[in-house]
Amino acid sequence: MAKRQFGTDNSADQWKEDLRHLSDTVEELVKATSKDASSEMHDLRTRAESRLKTARARLEAQGERIYDETRETISQQVDCCDRYVRENPWSSIGIGTAVGVLVGMLLGRR
């Protein structure tokens, strides 16, 4: 089974925030220039709207792909754990007991 690591640090959140700000800024620009009747501004508005829609569609598609990959990876890990527990029931009981005792001791110290 191939191991995959997904970055869950703040950089993804920062990207999301930056893209949201960019999207909001472009929308404000399009609305602010909507009263300008020149054909050049109309063309610029049309291109900006088109690029914004394209970027949003790509981001949504990438988000869905990452979600599907993550769900598949988690499903494989759950299956692996299930298989281990079924093949080694007594080891699993021992591990569960040890973890329960450790958590109980840590909670008891409070």
C-alpha atoms as a PDB file:
ATOM      1  CA  MET A   1       0.000   0.000   0.000  1.00  0.00           C
ATOM      2  CA  ALA A   2       1.460   3.345  -1.021  1.00  0.00           C
ATOM      3  CA  LYS A   3       1.748   5.937   1.704  1.00  0.00           C
ATOM      4  CA  ARG A   4       0.467   9.394   0.944  1.00  0.00           C
ATOM      5  CA  GLN A   5       0.789  12.456   3.058  1.00  0.00           C
ATOM      6  CA  PHE A   6      -1.544  15.375   2.602  1.00  0.00           C
ATOM      7  CA  GLY A   7      -0.385  18.759   3.836  1.00  0.00           C
ATOM      8  CA  THR A   8      -2.856  19.948   6.401  1.00  0.00           C
ATOM      9  CA  ASP A   9      -0.858  22.900   7.614  1.00  0.00           C
ATOM     10  CA  ASN A  10      -1.836  26.538   7.454  1.00  0.00           C
ATOM     11  CA  SER A  11      -0.637  26.982   3.868  1.00  0.00           C
ATOM     12  CA  ALA A  12      -3.833  25.409   2.490  1.00  0.00           C
ATOM     13  CA  ASP A  13      -5.937  27.707   4.651  1.00  0.00           C
ATOM     14  CA  GLN A  14      -3.831  30.672   3.519  1.00  0.00           C
ATOM     15  CA  TRP A  15      -4.330  29.721  -0.146  1.00  0.00           C
ATOM     16  CA  LYS A  16      -8.068  29.436   0.379  1.00  0.00           C
ATOM     17  CA  GLU A  17      -8.204  32.822   2.086  1.00  0.00           C
ATOM     18  CA  ASP A  18      -6.076  34.501  -0.614  1.00  0.00           C
ATOM     19  CA  LEU A  19      -8.246  33.070  -3.392  1.00  0.00           C
ATOM     20  CA  ARG A  20     -11.402  34.198  -1.624  1.00  0.00           C
ATOM     21  CA  HIS A  21     -10.006  37.732  -1.299  1.00  0.00           C
ATOM     22  CA  LEU A  22      -8.969  37.739  -4.966  1.00  0.00           C
ATOM     23  CA  SER A  23     -12.410  36.547  -6.010  1.00  0.00           C
ATOM     24  CA  ASP A  24     -14.109  39.205  -3.908  1.00  0.00           C
ATOM     25  CA  THR A  25     -11.817  41.909  -5.312  1.00  0.00           C
ATOM     26  CA  VAL A  26     -12.488  40.914  -8.916  1.00  0.00           C
ATOM     27  CA  GLU A  27     -16.229  40.860  -8.268  1.00  0.00           C
ATOM     28  CA  GLU A  28     -16.060  44.334  -6.702  1.00  0.00           C
ATOM     29  CA  LEU A  29     -14.050  45.584  -9.672  1.00  0.00           C
ATOM     30  CA  VAL A  30     -16.570  44.170 -12.122  1.00  0.00           C
ATOM     31  CA  LYS A  31     -19.452  45.778 -10.231  1.00  0.00           C
ATOM     32  CA  ALA A  32     -17.628  49.106  -9.901  1.00  0.00           C
ATOM     33  CA  THR A  33     -16.903  49.317 -13.608  1.00  0.00           C
ATOM     34  CA  SER A  34     -20.329  48.150 -14.741  1.00  0.00           C
ATOM     35  CA  LYS A  35     -21.461  51.736 -15.378  1.00  0.00           C
ATOM     36  CA  ASP A  36     -18.530  52.481 -17.676  1.00  0.00           C
ATOM     37  CA  ALA A  37     -19.938  52.169 -21.187  1.00  0.00           C
ATOM     38  CA  SER A  38     -16.699  51.972 -23.170  1.00  0.00           C
ATOM     39  CA  SER A  39     -16.201  48.826 -25.181  1.00  0.00           C
ATOM     40  CA  GLU A  40     -12.711  48.303 -23.751  1.00  0.00           C
ATOM     41  CA  MET A  41     -14.039  48.215 -20.184  1.00  0.00           C
ATOM     42  CA  HIS A  42     -16.855  45.910 -21.300  1.00  0.00           C
ATOM     43  CA  ASP A  43     -14.305  43.507 -22.818  1.00  0.00           C
ATOM     44  CA  LEU A  44     -12.157  43.634 -19.676  1.00  0.00           C
ATOM     45  CA  ARG A  45     -15.202  42.944 -17.473  1.00  0.00           C
ATOM     46  CA  THR A  46     -16.236  40.032 -19.665  1.00  0.00           C
ATOM     47  CA  ARG A  47     -12.753  38.500 -19.564  1.00  0.00           C
ATOM     48  CA  ALA A  48     -12.467  38.995 -15.795  1.00  0.00           C
ATOM     49  CA  GLU A  49     -15.837  37.319 -15.204  1.00  0.00           C
ATOM     50  CA  SER A  50     -14.912  34.458 -17.507  1.00  0.00           C
ATOM     51  CA  ARG A  51     -11.562  33.877 -15.813  1.00  0.00           C
ATOM     52  CA  LEU A  52     -13.152  34.065 -12.382  1.00  0.00           C
ATOM     53  CA  LYS A  53     -15.738  31.431 -13.324  1.00  0.00           C
ATOM     54  CA  THR A  54     -13.004  29.214 -14.798  1.00  0.00           C
ATOM     55  CA  ALA A  55     -10.850  29.527 -11.680  1.00  0.00           C
ATOM     56  CA  ARG A  56     -13.785  28.700  -9.418  1.00  0.00           C
ATOM     57  CA  ALA A  57     -14.687  25.650 -11.505  1.00  0.00           C
ATOM     58  CA  ARG A  58     -11.095  24.384 -11.399  1.00  0.00           C
ATOM     59  CA  LEU A  59     -10.859  24.888  -7.653  1.00  0.00           C
ATOM     60  CA  GLU A  60     -14.134  23.074  -7.081  1.00  0.00           C
ATOM     61  CA  ALA A  61     -12.991  20.177  -9.265  1.00  0.00           C
ATOM     62  CA  GLN A  62      -9.662  19.987  -7.449  1.00  0.00           C
ATOM     63  CA  GLY A  63     -11.415  20.090  -4.082  1.00  0.00           C
ATOM     64  CA  GLU A  64     -13.689  17.227  -5.099  1.00  0.00           C
ATOM     65  CA  ARG A  65     -10.691  15.221  -6.357  1.00  0.00           C
ATOM     66  CA  ILE A  66      -8.798  15.736  -3.094  1.00  0.00           C
ATOM     67  CA  TYR A  67     -11.910  14.798  -1.116  1.00  0.00           C
ATOM     68  CA  ASP A  68     -12.341  11.590  -3.125  1.00  0.00           C
ATOM     69  CA  GLU A  69      -8.653  10.662  -2.750  1.00  0.00           C
ATOM     70  CA  THR A  70      -8.770  11.299   0.989  1.00  0.00           C
ATOM     71  CA  ARG A  71     -11.940   9.273   1.382  1.00  0.00           C
ATOM     72  CA  GLU A  72     -10.382   6.397  -0.562  1.00  0.00           C
ATOM     73  CA  THR A  73      -7.201   6.518   1.531  1.00  0.00           C
ATOM     74  CA  ILE A  74      -9.154   6.509   4.792  1.00  0.00           C
ATOM     75  CA  SER A  75     -11.306   3.655   3.546  1.00  0.00           C
ATOM     76  CA  GLN A  76      -8.183   1.621   2.744  1.00  0.00           C
ATOM     77  CA  GLN A  77      -6.737   2.333   6.199  1.00  0.00           C
ATOM     78  CA  VAL A  78      -9.983   1.309   7.899  1.00  0.00           C
ATOM     79  CA  ASP A  79     -10.011  -1.919   5.893  1.00  0.00           C
ATOM     80  CA  CYS A  80      -6.389  -2.578   6.884  1.00  0.00           C
ATOM     81  CA  CYS A  81      -7.181  -2.029  10.589  1.00  0.00           C
ATOM     82  CA  ASP A  82     -10.256  -4.242  10.331  1.00  0.00           C
ATOM     83  CA  ARG A  83      -8.220  -6.988   8.693  1.00  0.00           C
ATOM     84  CA  TYR A  84      -5.523  -6.745  11.402  1.00  0.00           C
ATOM     85  CA  VAL A  85      -8.095  -6.985  14.201  1.00  0.00           C
ATOM     86  CA  ARG A  86      -9.739 -10.009  12.601  1.00  0.00           C
ATOM     87  CA  GLU A  87      -6.399 -11.763  12.076  1.00  0.00           C
ATOM     88  CA  ASN A  88      -5.006 -10.877  15.533  1.00  0.00           C
ATOM     89  CA  PRO A  89      -7.927 -10.589  17.967  1.00  0.00           C
ATOM     90  CA  TRP A  90      -5.938 -11.146  21.164  1.00  0.00           C
ATOM     91  CA  SER A  91      -3.248  -8.656  20.233  1.00  0.00           C
ATOM     92  CA  SER A  92      -5.967  -6.152  19.427  1.00  0.00           C
ATOM     93  CA  ILE A  93      -7.635  -6.731  22.792  1.00  0.00           C
ATOM     94  CA  GLY A  94      -4.276  -6.249  24.532  1.00  0.00           C
ATOM     95  CA  ILE A  95      -3.563  -3.037  22.662  1.00  0.00           C
ATOM     96  CA  GLY A  96      -7.053  -1.708  23.382  1.00  0.00           C
ATOM     97  CA  THR A  97      -6.699  -2.571  27.062  1.00  0.00           C
ATOM     98  CA  ALA A  98      -3.296  -0.883  27.314  1.00  0.00           C
ATOM     99  CA  VAL A  99      -4.584   2.271  25.646  1.00  0.00           C
ATOM    100  CA  GLY A 100      -7.653   2.276  27.907  1.00  0.00           C
ATOM    101  CA  VAL A 101      -5.521   1.941  31.033  1.00  0.00           C
ATOM    102  CA  LEU A 102      -3.178   4.693  29.867  1.00  0.00           C
ATOM    103  CA  VAL A 103      -6.053   7.069  29.093  1.00  0.00           C
ATOM    104  CA  GLY A 104      -7.686   6.198  32.412  1.00  0.00           C
ATOM    105  CA  MET A 105      -4.487   6.976  34.310  1.00  0.00           C
ATOM    106  CA  LEU A 106      -4.054  10.277  32.509  1.00  0.00           C
ATOM    107  CA  LEU A 107      -7.652  11.309  33.171  1.00  0.00           C
ATOM    108  CA  GLY A 108      -7.401  10.167  36.775  1.00  0.00           C
ATOM    109  CA  ARG A 109      -4.514  12.553  37.421  1.00  0.00           C
ATOM    110  CA  ARG A 110      -6.723  15.576  36.804  1.00  0.00           C
END
